[in-house]
């Protein structure tokens, strides 16, 4: 009974620490948030003791909470702070995190101008971390027919596995007939994980062209999670 009470007390302490950390991150400037995104610190000394006993969680580290906060960013003030940091040599090693944050702001505000800027960065970058950081967060942006998405389509065909996966995400909400054809082609060779990602993108770009492929894939799939992802664009398109 005493052990159980001790365990519950630790859990309450950790819950309190997490709530406080989340509240603090809501008020952070971008320089401080970036430092937290690259931090190797645990959220509490309690974590180290738990890990010695083989207990690990994604929520053990400060960086995890900072990353979650980065997904929420939408402020023009934060956008300007981050754009300024792109030219600050002190933050050169944190370019991927800066671009992650900018990508989130872009998606959360549907900022077409910022999206075009980030696609230009992708087009001219040789850094896989930067490319993936940007592409993986552009999916929510409405990319009209006047936006140059050629670099994203190129990376879908020529990128590394990580870049291809990020490119699939970035091609959501595009207005380009070729995108659906490229996704259908890639689906044929993709593993289950990438197939699921393609299905998520087809939710916004899929048309009747995708139905036959999705129906066949659903019949063949033995993975329940994949079948669920295949059924979602099918229902939307057929509906």
C-alpha atoms as a PDB file:
ATOM      1  CA  UNK A   1       0.000   0.000   0.000  1.00  0.00           C
ATOM      2  CA  UNK A   2       2.852   2.360   0.862  1.00  0.00           C
ATOM      3  CA  UNK A   3       4.547   1.568  -2.466  1.00  0.00           C
ATOM      4  CA  UNK A   4       1.341   2.304  -4.375  1.00  0.00           C
ATOM      5  CA  UNK A   5       0.957   5.617  -2.564  1.00  0.00           C
ATOM      6  CA  UNK A   6       4.590   6.495  -3.354  1.00  0.00           C
ATOM      7  CA  UNK A   7       4.038   5.706  -7.036  1.00  0.00           C
ATOM      8  CA  UNK A   8       0.862   7.796  -7.215  1.00  0.00           C
ATOM      9  CA  UNK A   9       2.650  10.711  -5.581  1.00  0.00           C
ATOM     10  CA  UNK A  10       5.352  10.583  -8.246  1.00  0.00           C
ATOM     11  CA  UNK A  11       2.712  10.543 -10.977  1.00  0.00           C
ATOM     12  CA  UNK A  12       1.033  13.599  -9.469  1.00  0.00           C
ATOM     13  CA  UNK A  13       4.384  15.403  -9.342  1.00  0.00           C
ATOM     14  CA  UNK A  14       5.077  14.625 -12.995  1.00  0.00           C
ATOM     15  CA  UNK A  15       1.604  15.750 -14.034  1.00  0.00           C
ATOM     16  CA  UNK A  16       2.167  19.049 -12.237  1.00  0.00           C
ATOM     17  CA  UNK A  17       5.570  19.500 -13.902  1.00  0.00           C
ATOM     18  CA  UNK A  18       4.090  18.828 -17.345  1.00  0.00           C
ATOM     19  CA  UNK A  19       1.268  21.326 -16.863  1.00  0.00           C
ATOM     20  CA  UNK A  20       3.709  23.978 -15.716  1.00  0.00           C
ATOM     21  CA  UNK A  21       6.041  23.306 -18.662  1.00  0.00           C
ATOM     22  CA  UNK A  22       3.202  23.523 -21.185  1.00  0.00           C
ATOM     23  CA  UNK A  23       2.031  26.822 -19.679  1.00  0.00           C
ATOM     24  CA  UNK A  24       5.565  28.259 -19.791  1.00  0.00           C
ATOM     25  CA  UNK A  25       6.019  27.276 -23.435  1.00  0.00           C
ATOM     26  CA  UNK A  26       2.866  29.110 -24.434  1.00  0.00           C
ATOM     27  CA  UNK A  27       4.623  32.352 -23.419  1.00  0.00           C
ATOM     28  CA  UNK A  28       8.121  31.647 -24.753  1.00  0.00           C
ATOM     29  CA  UNK A  29       9.857  33.737 -27.385  1.00  0.00           C
ATOM     30  CA  UNK A  30      11.207  31.794 -30.353  1.00  0.00           C
ATOM     31  CA  UNK A  31      14.844  31.823 -29.231  1.00  0.00           C
ATOM     32  CA  UNK A  32      13.929  30.114 -25.977  1.00  0.00           C
ATOM     33  CA  UNK A  33      11.604  27.635 -27.671  1.00  0.00           C
ATOM     34  CA  UNK A  34      14.347  26.649 -30.126  1.00  0.00           C
ATOM     35  CA  UNK A  35      16.737  26.001 -27.258  1.00  0.00           C
ATOM     36  CA  UNK A  36      14.129  23.733 -25.691  1.00  0.00           C
ATOM     37  CA  UNK A  37      13.562  21.907 -28.994  1.00  0.00           C
ATOM     38  CA  UNK A  38      17.216  20.868 -29.038  1.00  0.00           C
ATOM     39  CA  UNK A  39      17.461  20.237 -25.291  1.00  0.00           C
ATOM     40  CA  UNK A  40      18.506  16.815 -23.988  1.00  0.00           C
ATOM     41  CA  UNK A  41      17.146  17.502 -20.507  1.00  0.00           C
ATOM     42  CA  UNK A  42      14.438  15.453 -18.818  1.00  0.00           C
ATOM     43  CA  UNK A  43      11.361  17.276 -17.551  1.00  0.00           C
ATOM     44  CA  UNK A  44      12.129  16.150 -13.981  1.00  0.00           C
ATOM     45  CA  UNK A  45      14.813  14.294 -11.964  1.00  0.00           C
ATOM     46  CA  UNK A  46      12.125  11.665 -11.337  1.00  0.00           C
ATOM     47  CA  UNK A  47      12.477  10.580 -14.980  1.00  0.00           C
ATOM     48  CA  UNK A  48      16.092   9.448 -14.579  1.00  0.00           C
ATOM     49  CA  UNK A  49      15.103   7.126 -11.736  1.00  0.00           C
ATOM     50  CA  UNK A  50      12.241   5.678 -13.770  1.00  0.00           C
ATOM     51  CA  UNK A  51      14.449   5.057 -16.792  1.00  0.00           C
ATOM     52  CA  UNK A  52      16.879   3.097 -14.633  1.00  0.00           C
ATOM     53  CA  UNK A  53      13.995   0.716 -14.035  1.00  0.00           C
ATOM     54  CA  UNK A  54      13.319   0.418 -17.764  1.00  0.00           C
ATOM     55  CA  UNK A  55      10.397   2.868 -17.982  1.00  0.00           C
ATOM     56  CA  UNK A  56      10.624   5.192 -21.006  1.00  0.00           C
ATOM     57  CA  UNK A  57       8.120   7.585 -22.530  1.00  0.00           C
ATOM     58  CA  UNK A  58       8.109  10.122 -25.356  1.00  0.00           C
ATOM     59  CA  UNK A  59       6.998  12.664 -22.755  1.00  0.00           C
ATOM     60  CA  UNK A  60      10.149  12.244 -20.667  1.00  0.00           C
ATOM     61  CA  UNK A  61      12.047  15.048 -22.365  1.00  0.00           C
ATOM     62  CA  UNK A  62      11.714  18.821 -22.551  1.00  0.00           C
ATOM     63  CA  UNK A  63      12.329  18.639 -26.317  1.00  0.00           C
ATOM     64  CA  UNK A  64       9.147  16.593 -26.823  1.00  0.00           C
ATOM     65  CA  UNK A  65       7.000  19.301 -25.244  1.00  0.00           C
ATOM     66  CA  UNK A  66       8.804  22.000 -27.216  1.00  0.00           C
ATOM     67  CA  UNK A  67       8.156  20.088 -30.432  1.00  0.00           C
ATOM     68  CA  UNK A  68       4.456  19.813 -29.590  1.00  0.00           C
ATOM     69  CA  UNK A  69       4.346  23.549 -28.954  1.00  0.00           C
ATOM     70  CA  UNK A  70       5.977  24.196 -32.340  1.00  0.00           C
ATOM     71  CA  UNK A  71       3.007  22.561 -34.085  1.00  0.00           C
ATOM     72  CA  UNK A  72       0.675  25.196 -32.580  1.00  0.00           C
ATOM     73  CA  UNK A  73       2.507  28.348 -33.689  1.00  0.00           C
ATOM     74  CA  UNK A  74       0.499  30.907 -35.643  1.00  0.00           C
ATOM     75  CA  UNK A  75       1.578  34.369 -34.495  1.00  0.00           C
ATOM     76  CA  UNK A  76       2.904  36.940 -37.026  1.00  0.00           C
ATOM     77  CA  UNK A  77       5.263  38.072 -34.258  1.00  0.00           C
ATOM     78  CA  UNK A  78       6.742  34.580 -34.018  1.00  0.00           C
ATOM     79  CA  UNK A  79       6.993  34.417 -37.811  1.00  0.00           C
ATOM     80  CA  UNK A  80       9.069  37.615 -37.886  1.00  0.00           C
ATOM     81  CA  UNK A  81      11.283  36.389 -35.032  1.00  0.00           C
ATOM     82  CA  UNK A  82      11.999  33.143 -36.864  1.00  0.00           C
ATOM     83  CA  UNK A  83      12.688  34.802 -40.215  1.00  0.00           C
ATOM     84  CA  UNK A  84      15.234  37.040 -38.491  1.00  0.00           C
ATOM     85  CA  UNK A  85      16.918  34.018 -36.886  1.00  0.00           C
ATOM     86  CA  UNK A  86      17.546  32.496 -40.323  1.00  0.00           C
ATOM     87  CA  UNK A  87      20.347  35.052 -40.680  1.00  0.00           C
ATOM     88  CA  UNK A  88      21.739  34.628 -37.168  1.00  0.00           C
ATOM     89  CA  UNK A  89      24.880  32.467 -37.195  1.00  0.00           C
ATOM     90  CA  UNK A  90      24.310  31.553 -33.545  1.00  0.00           C
ATOM     91  CA  UNK A  91      21.258  29.542 -34.649  1.00  0.00           C
ATOM     92  CA  UNK A  92      22.800  27.989 -37.777  1.00  0.00           C
ATOM     93  CA  UNK A  93      22.667  24.493 -36.295  1.00  0.00           C
ATOM     94  CA  UNK A  94      18.991  24.897 -35.525  1.00  0.00           C
ATOM     95  CA  UNK A  95      17.853  25.701 -39.049  1.00  0.00           C
ATOM     96  CA  UNK A  96      15.722  22.535 -39.253  1.00  0.00           C
ATOM     97  CA  UNK A  97      13.849  23.544 -36.100  1.00  0.00           C
ATOM     98  CA  UNK A  98      13.454  27.130 -37.331  1.00  0.00           C
ATOM     99  CA  UNK A  99      11.974  25.809 -40.561  1.00  0.00           C
ATOM    100  CA  UNK A 100       9.719  23.398 -38.665  1.00  0.00           C
ATOM    101  CA  UNK A 101       8.294  26.338 -36.751  1.00  0.00           C
ATOM    102  CA  UNK A 102       7.868  28.423 -39.894  1.00  0.00           C
ATOM    103  CA  UNK A 103       6.165  25.474 -41.589  1.00  0.00           C
ATOM    104  CA  UNK A 104       3.700  25.215 -38.723  1.00  0.00           C
ATOM    105  CA  UNK A 105       2.924  28.926 -38.861  1.00  0.00           C
ATOM    106  CA  UNK A 106       2.461  28.578 -42.607  1.00  0.00           C
ATOM    107  CA  UNK A 107       0.006  25.706 -42.201  1.00  0.00           C
ATOM    108  CA  UNK A 108      -1.903  27.181 -39.276  1.00  0.00           C
ATOM    109  CA  UNK A 109      -2.424  30.521 -41.016  1.00  0.00           C
ATOM    110  CA  UNK A 110      -2.639  29.295 -44.635  1.00  0.00           C
ATOM    111  CA  UNK A 111       0.104  31.776 -45.507  1.00  0.00           C
ATOM    112  CA  UNK A 112       0.630  31.335 -49.272  1.00  0.00           C
ATOM    113  CA  UNK A 113       3.512  33.832 -49.413  1.00  0.00           C
ATOM    114  CA  UNK A 114       5.402  32.031 -46.659  1.00  0.00           C
ATOM    115  CA  UNK A 115       4.633  28.693 -48.297  1.00  0.00           C
ATOM    116  CA  UNK A 116       6.190  29.841 -51.590  1.00  0.00           C
ATOM    117  CA  UNK A 117       9.238  31.084 -49.693  1.00  0.00           C
ATOM    118  CA  UNK A 118       9.657  27.720 -47.953  1.00  0.00           C
ATOM    119  CA  UNK A 119       9.250  25.781 -51.208  1.00  0.00           C
ATOM    120  CA  UNK A 120      12.024  27.935 -52.708  1.00  0.00           C
ATOM    121  CA  UNK A 121      14.233  26.997 -49.743  1.00  0.00           C
ATOM    122  CA  UNK A 122      13.464  23.316 -50.354  1.00  0.00           C
ATOM    123  CA  UNK A 123      14.225  23.696 -54.055  1.00  0.00           C
ATOM    124  CA  UNK A 124      17.687  25.109 -53.357  1.00  0.00           C
ATOM    125  CA  UNK A 125      18.687  23.031 -50.317  1.00  0.00           C
ATOM    126  CA  UNK A 126      20.935  19.972 -50.151  1.00  0.00           C
ATOM    127  CA  UNK A 127      20.254  19.421 -46.455  1.00  0.00           C
ATOM    128  CA  UNK A 128      17.897  16.480 -45.938  1.00  0.00           C
ATOM    129  CA  UNK A 129      16.989  17.632 -42.426  1.00  0.00           C
ATOM    130  CA  UNK A 130      15.936  21.065 -43.690  1.00  0.00           C
ATOM    131  CA  UNK A 131      13.970  19.601 -46.609  1.00  0.00           C
ATOM    132  CA  UNK A 132      12.094  17.118 -44.419  1.00  0.00           C
ATOM    133  CA  UNK A 133      11.484  19.717 -41.698  1.00  0.00           C
ATOM    134  CA  UNK A 134       9.783  22.024 -44.186  1.00  0.00           C
ATOM    135  CA  UNK A 135       7.864  19.555 -46.344  1.00  0.00           C
ATOM    136  CA  UNK A 136       6.443  17.612 -43.411  1.00  0.00           C
ATOM    137  CA  UNK A 137       4.592  20.729 -42.223  1.00  0.00           C
ATOM    138  CA  UNK A 138       3.166  22.153 -45.441  1.00  0.00           C
ATOM    139  CA  UNK A 139       0.290  19.720 -45.846  1.00  0.00           C
ATOM    140  CA  UNK A 140      -2.371  21.999 -44.342  1.00  0.00           C
ATOM    141  CA  UNK A 141      -1.677  24.895 -46.718  1.00  0.00           C
ATOM    142  CA  UNK A 142      -4.015  25.392 -49.688  1.00  0.00           C
ATOM    143  CA  UNK A 143      -1.613  25.276 -52.627  1.00  0.00           C
ATOM    144  CA  UNK A 144      -3.438  26.811 -55.572  1.00  0.00           C
ATOM    145  CA  UNK A 145      -2.636  26.367 -59.251  1.00  0.00           C
ATOM    146  CA  UNK A 146      -0.536  29.545 -59.169  1.00  0.00           C
ATOM    147  CA  UNK A 147       1.891  28.085 -56.613  1.00  0.00           C
ATOM    148  CA  UNK A 148       5.038  26.370 -57.847  1.00  0.00           C
ATOM    149  CA  UNK A 149       4.936  22.883 -56.346  1.00  0.00           C
ATOM    150  CA  UNK A 150       7.335  21.386 -58.925  1.00  0.00           C
ATOM    151  CA  UNK A 151      10.109  20.950 -56.309  1.00  0.00           C
ATOM    152  CA  UNK A 152       7.754  18.925 -54.087  1.00  0.00           C
ATOM    153  CA  UNK A 153       6.744  16.682 -56.992  1.00  0.00           C
ATOM    154  CA  UNK A 154      10.400  16.205 -57.876  1.00  0.00           C
ATOM    155  CA  UNK A 155      11.251  15.098 -54.362  1.00  0.00           C
ATOM    156  CA  UNK A 156       8.373  12.625 -54.409  1.00  0.00           C
ATOM    157  CA  UNK A 157      10.030  10.919 -57.378  1.00  0.00           C
ATOM    158  CA  UNK A 158      13.703  11.410 -56.545  1.00  0.00           C
ATOM    159  CA  UNK A 159      14.076  11.968 -52.808  1.00  0.00           C
ATOM    160  CA  UNK A 160      15.325   9.704 -50.053  1.00  0.00           C
ATOM    161  CA  UNK A 161      12.751   7.649 -48.172  1.00  0.00           C
ATOM    162  CA  UNK A 162      12.389  10.366 -45.522  1.00  0.00           C
ATOM    163  CA  UNK A 163      12.068  13.137 -48.115  1.00  0.00           C
ATOM    164  CA  UNK A 164       9.540  11.156 -50.178  1.00  0.00           C
ATOM    165  CA  UNK A 165       7.383  10.641 -47.105  1.00  0.00           C
ATOM    166  CA  UNK A 166       7.541  14.356 -46.277  1.00  0.00           C
ATOM    167  CA  UNK A 167       6.757  15.238 -49.907  1.00  0.00           C
ATOM    168  CA  UNK A 168       3.629  13.075 -49.780  1.00  0.00           C
ATOM    169  CA  UNK A 169       2.456  15.073 -46.754  1.00  0.00           C
ATOM    170  CA  UNK A 170       3.252  18.379 -48.456  1.00  0.00           C
ATOM    171  CA  UNK A 171       1.218  17.499 -51.568  1.00  0.00           C
ATOM    172  CA  UNK A 172      -2.061  17.543 -49.641  1.00  0.00           C
ATOM    173  CA  UNK A 173      -4.446  20.372 -50.568  1.00  0.00           C
ATOM    174  CA  UNK A 174      -2.824  20.947 -53.960  1.00  0.00           C
ATOM    175  CA  UNK A 175      -4.620  21.932 -57.152  1.00  0.00           C
ATOM    176  CA  UNK A 176      -2.591  20.010 -59.725  1.00  0.00           C
ATOM    177  CA  UNK A 177      -3.992  16.982 -61.623  1.00  0.00           C
ATOM    178  CA  UNK A 178      -0.526  15.421 -61.871  1.00  0.00           C
ATOM    179  CA  UNK A 179      -0.283  15.078 -58.093  1.00  0.00           C
ATOM    180  CA  UNK A 180      -2.962  12.390 -57.924  1.00  0.00           C
ATOM    181  CA  UNK A 181      -1.319  10.446 -60.750  1.00  0.00           C
ATOM    182  CA  UNK A 182       2.063  10.600 -59.014  1.00  0.00           C
ATOM    183  CA  UNK A 183       0.542   9.364 -55.759  1.00  0.00           C
ATOM    184  CA  UNK A 184      -1.225   6.469 -57.493  1.00  0.00           C
ATOM    185  CA  UNK A 185       2.050   5.457 -59.129  1.00  0.00           C
ATOM    186  CA  UNK A 186       3.991   5.690 -55.872  1.00  0.00           C
ATOM    187  CA  UNK A 187       1.326   3.716 -54.011  1.00  0.00           C
ATOM    188  CA  UNK A 188       2.139   0.641 -56.119  1.00  0.00           C
ATOM    189  CA  UNK A 189       5.696   0.401 -54.764  1.00  0.00           C
ATOM    190  CA  UNK A 190       5.212   1.871 -51.283  1.00  0.00           C
ATOM    191  CA  UNK A 191       5.376  -0.021 -47.982  1.00  0.00           C
ATOM    192  CA  UNK A 192       2.357  -0.058 -45.665  1.00  0.00           C
ATOM    193  CA  UNK A 193       3.473   3.041 -43.774  1.00  0.00           C
ATOM    194  CA  UNK A 194       3.902   5.150 -46.912  1.00  0.00           C
ATOM    195  CA  UNK A 195       0.667   3.764 -48.378  1.00  0.00           C
ATOM    196  CA  UNK A 196      -1.144   5.088 -45.283  1.00  0.00           C
ATOM    197  CA  UNK A 197       0.484   8.501 -45.745  1.00  0.00           C
ATOM    198  CA  UNK A 198      -0.550   8.570 -49.411  1.00  0.00           C
ATOM    199  CA  UNK A 199      -4.122   7.783 -48.379  1.00  0.00           C
ATOM    200  CA  UNK A 200      -4.103  10.745 -45.982  1.00  0.00           C
ATOM    201  CA  UNK A 201      -3.072  13.010 -48.862  1.00  0.00           C
ATOM    202  CA  UNK A 202      -5.669  11.480 -51.186  1.00  0.00           C
ATOM    203  CA  UNK A 203      -8.304  12.654 -48.707  1.00  0.00           C
ATOM    204  CA  UNK A 204      -7.767  16.158 -50.101  1.00  0.00           C
ATOM    205  CA  UNK A 205      -6.578  15.500 -53.689  1.00  0.00           C
ATOM    206  CA  UNK A 206      -8.131  12.151 -54.625  1.00  0.00           C
ATOM    207  CA  UNK A 207     -10.779  11.844 -57.344  1.00  0.00           C
ATOM    208  CA  UNK A 208     -12.532   9.008 -59.149  1.00  0.00           C
ATOM    209  CA  UNK A 209      -9.135   8.185 -60.694  1.00  0.00           C
ATOM    210  CA  UNK A 210      -8.009   6.734 -57.377  1.00  0.00           C
ATOM    211  CA  UNK A 211     -11.047   4.552 -56.686  1.00  0.00           C
ATOM    212  CA  UNK A 212     -10.013   1.410 -58.567  1.00  0.00           C
ATOM    213  CA  UNK A 213      -6.523   1.427 -57.069  1.00  0.00           C
ATOM    214  CA  UNK A 214      -7.866   1.954 -53.554  1.00  0.00           C
ATOM    215  CA  UNK A 215     -10.510  -0.760 -53.933  1.00  0.00           C
ATOM    216  CA  UNK A 216      -7.914  -3.290 -55.066  1.00  0.00           C
ATOM    217  CA  UNK A 217      -5.541  -2.280 -52.280  1.00  0.00           C
ATOM    218  CA  UNK A 218      -8.300  -2.631 -49.686  1.00  0.00           C
ATOM    219  CA  UNK A 219      -9.045  -6.188 -50.833  1.00  0.00           C
ATOM    220  CA  UNK A 220      -5.366  -7.179 -50.658  1.00  0.00           C
ATOM    221  CA  UNK A 221      -4.477  -5.430 -47.392  1.00  0.00           C
ATOM    222  CA  UNK A 222      -4.093  -7.615 -44.303  1.00  0.00           C
ATOM    223  CA  UNK A 223      -3.025  -4.748 -42.048  1.00  0.00           C
ATOM    224  CA  UNK A 224      -6.113  -3.426 -40.240  1.00  0.00           C
ATOM    225  CA  UNK A 225      -4.580   0.036 -39.814  1.00  0.00           C
ATOM    226  CA  UNK A 226      -3.820   0.268 -43.545  1.00  0.00           C
ATOM    227  CA  UNK A 227      -7.335  -0.872 -44.436  1.00  0.00           C
ATOM    228  CA  UNK A 228      -8.722   1.911 -42.255  1.00  0.00           C
ATOM    229  CA  UNK A 229      -6.565   4.525 -44.020  1.00  0.00           C
ATOM    230  CA  UNK A 230      -7.543   3.189 -47.458  1.00  0.00           C
ATOM    231  CA  UNK A 231     -11.240   3.308 -46.596  1.00  0.00           C
ATOM    232  CA  UNK A 232     -11.163   7.001 -45.609  1.00  0.00           C
ATOM    233  CA  UNK A 233     -10.425   8.516 -49.073  1.00  0.00           C
ATOM    234  CA  UNK A 234     -12.619   5.854 -50.664  1.00  0.00           C
ATOM    235  CA  UNK A 235     -15.608   6.938 -48.593  1.00  0.00           C
ATOM    236  CA  UNK A 236     -14.947  10.605 -49.318  1.00  0.00           C
ATOM    237  CA  UNK A 237     -14.569  10.130 -53.083  1.00  0.00           C
ATOM    238  CA  UNK A 238     -17.468   7.680 -53.479  1.00  0.00           C
ATOM    239  CA  UNK A 239     -19.640   9.814 -51.212  1.00  0.00           C
END
